[in-house]
PDB file of N, CA and C in Angstrom:
ATOM      1  N   MET A   1      -8.527 -48.340 -49.329  1.00  0.00           N
ATOM      2  CA  MET A   1      -8.618 -46.963 -49.762  1.00  0.00           C
ATOM      3  C   MET A   1      -7.320 -46.258 -49.384  1.00  0.00           C
ATOM      4  N   GLY A   2      -6.653 -45.727 -50.369  1.00  0.00           N
ATOM      5  CA  GLY A   2      -5.396 -45.036 -50.118  1.00  0.00           C
ATOM      6  C   GLY A   2      -5.597 -43.537 -49.972  1.00  0.00           C
ATOM      7  N   LEU A   3      -4.739 -42.936 -49.201  1.00  0.00           N
ATOM      8  CA  LEU A   3      -4.769 -41.488 -49.043  1.00  0.00           C
ATOM      9  C   LEU A   3      -3.743 -40.855 -49.952  1.00  0.00           C
ATOM     10  N   SER A   4      -4.052 -39.662 -50.419  1.00  0.00           N
ATOM     11  CA  SER A   4      -3.112 -38.926 -51.240  1.00  0.00           C
ATOM     12  C   SER A   4      -2.938 -37.523 -50.662  1.00  0.00           C
ATOM     13  N   THR A   5      -1.925 -36.847 -51.119  1.00  0.00           N
ATOM     14  CA  THR A   5      -1.692 -35.488 -50.681  1.00  0.00           C
ATOM     15  C   THR A   5      -2.687 -34.560 -51.371  1.00  0.00           C
ATOM     16  N   PRO A   6      -3.334 -33.666 -50.625  1.00  0.00           N
ATOM     17  CA  PRO A   6      -4.267 -32.741 -51.280  1.00  0.00           C
ATOM     18  C   PRO A   6      -3.500 -31.749 -52.154  1.00  0.00           C
ATOM     19  N   SER A   7      -4.171 -31.235 -53.166  1.00  0.00           N
ATOM     20  CA  SER A   7      -3.514 -30.249 -54.026  1.00  0.00           C
ATOM     21  C   SER A   7      -3.283 -28.966 -53.235  1.00  0.00           C
ATOM     22  N   LEU A   8      -2.421 -28.136 -53.743  1.00  0.00           N
ATOM     23  CA  LEU A   8      -2.089 -26.888 -53.067  1.00  0.00           C
ATOM     24  C   LEU A   8      -3.313 -25.988 -52.952  1.00  0.00           C
ATOM     25  N   ILE A   9      -4.134 -25.942 -53.980  1.00  0.00           N
ATOM     26  CA  ILE A   9      -5.337 -25.101 -53.960  1.00  0.00           C
ATOM     27  C   ILE A   9      -6.307 -25.577 -52.881  1.00  0.00           C
ATOM     28  N   THR A  10      -6.530 -26.881 -52.785  1.00  0.00           N
ATOM     29  CA  THR A  10      -7.426 -27.429 -51.766  1.00  0.00           C
ATOM     30  C   THR A  10      -6.910 -27.119 -50.368  1.00  0.00           C
ATOM     31  N   PHE A  11      -5.618 -27.294 -50.162  1.00  0.00           N
ATOM     32  CA  PHE A  11      -5.039 -27.001 -48.858  1.00  0.00           C
ATOM     33  C   PHE A  11      -5.168 -25.515 -48.517  1.00  0.00           C
ATOM     34  N   LEU A  12      -4.873 -24.653 -49.472  1.00  0.00           N
ATOM     35  CA  LEU A  12      -4.941 -23.216 -49.205  1.00  0.00           C
ATOM     36  C   LEU A  12      -6.362 -22.746 -48.923  1.00  0.00           C
ATOM     37  N   ILE A  13      -7.338 -23.271 -49.630  1.00  0.00           N
ATOM     38  CA  ILE A  13      -8.731 -22.880 -49.372  1.00  0.00           C
ATOM     39  C   ILE A  13      -9.157 -23.313 -47.978  1.00  0.00           C
ATOM     40  N   SER A  14      -8.839 -24.542 -47.588  1.00  0.00           N
ATOM     41  CA  SER A  14      -9.213 -25.004 -46.249  1.00  0.00           C
ATOM     42  C   SER A  14      -8.462 -24.218 -45.175  1.00  0.00           C
ATOM     43  N   PHE A  15      -7.210 -23.862 -45.446  1.00  0.00           N
ATOM     44  CA  PHE A  15      -6.424 -23.071 -44.493  1.00  0.00           C
ATOM     45  C   PHE A  15      -7.001 -21.661 -44.337  1.00  0.00           C
ATOM     46  N   ILE A  16      -7.409 -21.049 -45.434  1.00  0.00           N
ATOM     47  CA  ILE A  16      -7.986 -19.712 -45.379  1.00  0.00           C
ATOM     48  C   ILE A  16      -9.308 -19.715 -44.621  1.00  0.00           C
ATOM     49  N   VAL A  17     -10.142 -20.707 -44.857  1.00  0.00           N
ATOM     50  CA  VAL A  17     -11.417 -20.806 -44.125  1.00  0.00           C
ATOM     51  C   VAL A  17     -11.161 -20.995 -42.632  1.00  0.00           C
ATOM     52  N   ALA A  18     -10.225 -21.873 -42.294  1.00  0.00           N
ATOM     53  CA  ALA A  18      -9.914 -22.111 -40.882  1.00  0.00           C
ATOM     54  C   ALA A  18      -9.341 -20.859 -40.222  1.00  0.00           C
ATOM     55  N   MET A  19      -8.463 -20.136 -40.909  1.00  0.00           N
ATOM     56  CA  MET A  19      -7.890 -18.908 -40.345  1.00  0.00           C
ATOM     57  C   MET A  19      -8.932 -17.810 -40.196  1.00  0.00           C
ATOM     58  N   ALA A  20      -9.901 -17.750 -41.103  1.00  0.00           N
ATOM     59  CA  ALA A  20     -10.985 -16.777 -40.969  1.00  0.00           C
ATOM     60  C   ALA A  20     -11.788 -17.047 -39.701  1.00  0.00           C
ATOM     61  N   VAL A  21     -12.052 -18.317 -39.433  1.00  0.00           N
ATOM     62  CA  VAL A  21     -12.780 -18.674 -38.214  1.00  0.00           C
ATOM     63  C   VAL A  21     -11.955 -18.342 -36.976  1.00  0.00           C
ATOM     64  N   VAL A  22     -10.670 -18.638 -37.003  1.00  0.00           N
ATOM     65  CA  VAL A  22      -9.801 -18.340 -35.857  1.00  0.00           C
ATOM     66  C   VAL A  22      -9.758 -16.842 -35.590  1.00  0.00           C
ATOM     67  N   PHE A  23      -9.613 -16.045 -36.647  1.00  0.00           N
ATOM     68  CA  PHE A  23      -9.578 -14.595 -36.460  1.00  0.00           C
ATOM     69  C   PHE A  23     -10.910 -14.061 -35.948  1.00  0.00           C
ATOM     70  N   ALA A  24     -12.021 -14.616 -36.431  1.00  0.00           N
ATOM     71  CA  ALA A  24     -13.330 -14.179 -35.961  1.00  0.00           C
ATOM     72  C   ALA A  24     -13.551 -14.572 -34.509  1.00  0.00           C
ATOM     73  N   ARG A  25     -13.066 -15.745 -34.140  1.00  0.00           N
ATOM     74  CA  ARG A  25     -13.293 -16.266 -32.792  1.00  0.00           C
ATOM     75  C   ARG A  25     -12.402 -15.601 -31.741  1.00  0.00           C
ATOM     76  N   TYR A  26     -11.113 -15.564 -31.993  1.00  0.00           N
ATOM     77  CA  TYR A  26     -10.180 -15.157 -30.950  1.00  0.00           C
ATOM     78  C   TYR A  26      -9.688 -13.721 -31.053  1.00  0.00           C
ATOM     79  N   PHE A  27      -9.782 -13.127 -32.223  1.00  0.00           N
ATOM     80  CA  PHE A  27      -9.297 -11.766 -32.386  1.00  0.00           C
ATOM     81  C   PHE A  27     -10.415 -10.767 -32.628  1.00  0.00           C
ATOM     82  N   GLY A  28     -11.648 -11.224 -32.658  1.00  0.00           N
ATOM     83  CA  GLY A  28     -12.805 -10.344 -32.780  1.00  0.00           C
ATOM     84  C   GLY A  28     -12.978  -9.723 -34.154  1.00  0.00           C
ATOM     85  N   ALA A  29     -12.449 -10.348 -35.192  1.00  0.00           N
ATOM     86  CA  ALA A  29     -12.615  -9.821 -36.543  1.00  0.00           C
ATOM     87  C   ALA A  29     -14.082  -9.929 -36.950  1.00  0.00           C
ATOM     88  N   ALA A  30     -14.579  -8.898 -37.606  1.00  0.00           N
ATOM     89  CA  ALA A  30     -15.982  -8.863 -38.042  1.00  0.00           C
ATOM     90  C   ALA A  30     -16.078  -9.464 -39.445  1.00  0.00           C
ATOM     91  N   ILE A  31     -16.240 -10.760 -39.512  1.00  0.00           N
ATOM     92  CA  ILE A  31     -16.352 -11.459 -40.791  1.00  0.00           C
ATOM     93  C   ILE A  31     -17.813 -11.868 -40.956  1.00  0.00           C
ATOM     94  N   PRO A  32     -18.476 -11.360 -42.009  1.00  0.00           N
ATOM     95  CA  PRO A  32     -19.893 -11.693 -42.206  1.00  0.00           C
ATOM     96  C   PRO A  32     -20.101 -13.207 -42.313  1.00  0.00           C
ATOM     97  N   GLY A  33     -21.086 -13.708 -41.612  1.00  0.00           N
ATOM     98  CA  GLY A  33     -21.389 -15.136 -41.634  1.00  0.00           C
ATOM     99  C   GLY A  33     -20.695 -15.933 -40.551  1.00  0.00           C
ATOM    100  N   LEU A  34     -19.732 -15.336 -39.875  1.00  0.00           N
ATOM    101  CA  LEU A  34     -19.008 -16.058 -38.817  1.00  0.00           C
ATOM    102  C   LEU A  34     -19.158 -15.342 -37.474  1.00  0.00           C
ATOM    103  N   THR A  35     -20.344 -14.838 -37.206  1.00  0.00           N
ATOM    104  CA  THR A  35     -20.531 -14.071 -35.980  1.00  0.00           C
ATOM    105  C   THR A  35     -20.985 -14.926 -34.803  1.00  0.00           C
ATOM    106  N   SER A  36     -21.712 -15.988 -35.060  1.00  0.00           N
ATOM    107  CA  SER A  36     -22.199 -16.808 -33.948  1.00  0.00           C
ATOM    108  C   SER A  36     -21.307 -18.030 -33.751  1.00  0.00           C
ATOM    109  N   ASP A  37     -21.412 -18.611 -32.571  1.00  0.00           N
ATOM    110  CA  ASP A  37     -20.607 -19.799 -32.267  1.00  0.00           C
ATOM    111  C   ASP A  37     -20.941 -20.961 -33.192  1.00  0.00           C
ATOM    112  N   GLY A  38     -22.214 -21.106 -33.515  1.00  0.00           N
ATOM    113  CA  GLY A  38     -22.629 -22.198 -34.394  1.00  0.00           C
ATOM    114  C   GLY A  38     -22.054 -22.067 -35.791  1.00  0.00           C
ATOM    115  N   MET A  39     -22.021 -20.867 -36.310  1.00  0.00           N
ATOM    116  CA  MET A  39     -21.459 -20.649 -37.640  1.00  0.00           C
ATOM    117  C   MET A  39     -19.945 -20.803 -37.641  1.00  0.00           C
ATOM    118  N   GLN A  40     -19.295 -20.450 -36.551  1.00  0.00           N
ATOM    119  CA  GLN A  40     -17.854 -20.646 -36.454  1.00  0.00           C
ATOM    120  C   GLN A  40     -17.526 -22.134 -36.426  1.00  0.00           C
ATOM    121  N   PHE A  41     -18.318 -22.896 -35.692  1.00  0.00           N
ATOM    122  CA  PHE A  41     -18.122 -24.347 -35.667  1.00  0.00           C
ATOM    123  C   PHE A  41     -18.351 -24.937 -37.054  1.00  0.00           C
ATOM    124  N   ALA A  42     -19.407 -24.480 -37.722  1.00  0.00           N
ATOM    125  CA  ALA A  42     -19.695 -24.974 -39.071  1.00  0.00           C
ATOM    126  C   ALA A  42     -18.571 -24.611 -40.034  1.00  0.00           C
ATOM    127  N   GLY A  43     -17.979 -23.446 -39.867  1.00  0.00           N
ATOM    128  CA  GLY A  43     -16.859 -23.044 -40.710  1.00  0.00           C
ATOM    129  C   GLY A  43     -15.660 -23.948 -40.530  1.00  0.00           C
ATOM    130  N   MET A  44     -15.371 -24.317 -39.296  1.00  0.00           N
ATOM    131  CA  MET A  44     -14.261 -25.234 -39.047  1.00  0.00           C
ATOM    132  C   MET A  44     -14.558 -26.623 -39.598  1.00  0.00           C
ATOM    133  N   VAL A  45     -15.800 -27.066 -39.496  1.00  0.00           N
ATOM    134  CA  VAL A  45     -16.181 -28.364 -40.059  1.00  0.00           C
ATOM    135  C   VAL A  45     -16.015 -28.350 -41.571  1.00  0.00           C
ATOM    136  N   VAL A  46     -16.423 -27.266 -42.220  1.00  0.00           N
ATOM    137  CA  VAL A  46     -16.271 -27.152 -43.676  1.00  0.00           C
ATOM    138  C   VAL A  46     -14.798 -27.191 -44.062  1.00  0.00           C
ATOM    139  N   ALA A  47     -13.963 -26.470 -43.336  1.00  0.00           N
ATOM    140  CA  ALA A  47     -12.526 -26.454 -43.631  1.00  0.00           C
ATOM    141  C   ALA A  47     -11.929 -27.853 -43.480  1.00  0.00           C
ATOM    142  N   TYR A  48     -12.299 -28.553 -42.419  1.00  0.00           N
ATOM    143  CA  TYR A  48     -11.770 -29.890 -42.181  1.00  0.00           C
ATOM    144  C   TYR A  48     -12.280 -30.879 -43.229  1.00  0.00           C
ATOM    145  N   LEU A  49     -13.560 -30.828 -43.558  1.00  0.00           N
ATOM    146  CA  LEU A  49     -14.110 -31.741 -44.560  1.00  0.00           C
ATOM    147  C   LEU A  49     -13.492 -31.505 -45.926  1.00  0.00           C
ATOM    148  N   LEU A  50     -13.227 -30.259 -46.264  1.00  0.00           N
ATOM    149  CA  LEU A  50     -12.574 -29.967 -47.527  1.00  0.00           C
ATOM    150  C   LEU A  50     -11.180 -30.576 -47.561  1.00  0.00           C
ATOM    151  N   LEU A  51     -10.465 -30.476 -46.467  1.00  0.00           N
ATOM    152  CA  LEU A  51      -9.129 -31.071 -46.399  1.00  0.00           C
ATOM    153  C   LEU A  51      -9.193 -32.595 -46.452  1.00  0.00           C
ATOM    154  N   VAL A  52     -10.149 -33.197 -45.777  1.00  0.00           N
ATOM    155  CA  VAL A  52     -10.314 -34.655 -45.808  1.00  0.00           C
ATOM    156  C   VAL A  52     -10.670 -35.115 -47.220  1.00  0.00           C
ATOM    157  N   LEU A  53     -11.580 -34.414 -47.875  1.00  0.00           N
ATOM    158  CA  LEU A  53     -11.940 -34.789 -49.254  1.00  0.00           C
ATOM    159  C   LEU A  53     -10.740 -34.641 -50.181  1.00  0.00           C
ATOM    160  N   GLY A  54      -9.923 -33.628 -49.946  1.00  0.00           N
ATOM    161  CA  GLY A  54      -8.716 -33.465 -50.745  1.00  0.00           C
ATOM    162  C   GLY A  54      -7.747 -34.620 -50.569  1.00  0.00           C
ATOM    163  N   CYS A  55      -7.741 -35.240 -49.401  1.00  0.00           N
ATOM    164  CA  CYS A  55      -6.872 -36.393 -49.161  1.00  0.00           C
ATOM    165  C   CYS A  55      -7.466 -37.692 -49.711  1.00  0.00           C
ATOM    166  N   LEU A  56      -8.786 -37.778 -49.732  1.00  0.00           N
ATOM    167  CA  LEU A  56      -9.433 -39.018 -50.183  1.00  0.00           C
ATOM    168  C   LEU A  56      -9.628 -39.087 -51.691  1.00  0.00           C
ATOM    169  N   ILE A  57      -9.858 -37.952 -52.320  1.00  0.00           N
ATOM    170  CA  ILE A  57     -10.116 -37.916 -53.761  1.00  0.00           C
ATOM    171  C   ILE A  57      -8.862 -37.404 -54.449  1.00  0.00           C
ATOM    172  N   ARG A  58      -8.324 -38.185 -55.336  1.00  0.00           N
ATOM    173  CA  ARG A  58      -7.062 -37.826 -55.962  1.00  0.00           C
ATOM    174  C   ARG A  58      -7.166 -36.617 -56.884  1.00  0.00           C
ATOM    175  N   THR A  59      -8.313 -36.402 -57.513  1.00  0.00           N
ATOM    176  CA  THR A  59      -8.443 -35.318 -58.479  1.00  0.00           C
ATOM    177  C   THR A  59      -8.796 -33.984 -57.833  1.00  0.00           C
ATOM    178  N   MET A  60      -8.950 -33.947 -56.545  1.00  0.00           N
ATOM    179  CA  MET A  60      -9.370 -32.714 -55.884  1.00  0.00           C
ATOM    180  C   MET A  60      -8.181 -31.941 -55.387  1.00  0.00           C
TER     181      MET A  60
END
């Protein structure tokens, strides 16, 4: 199984999700859905999985 570079859109979406979690966690930003620790962890998992899928699937 070969890895490929994720598209720019996939990378930017995962980066935006990860930055939203970072801002909610460390800077106290009030982002709906990212208020609890569990949801922040889930947000980071979603961002990482999106980036991994972008590397594994060539059309993504």
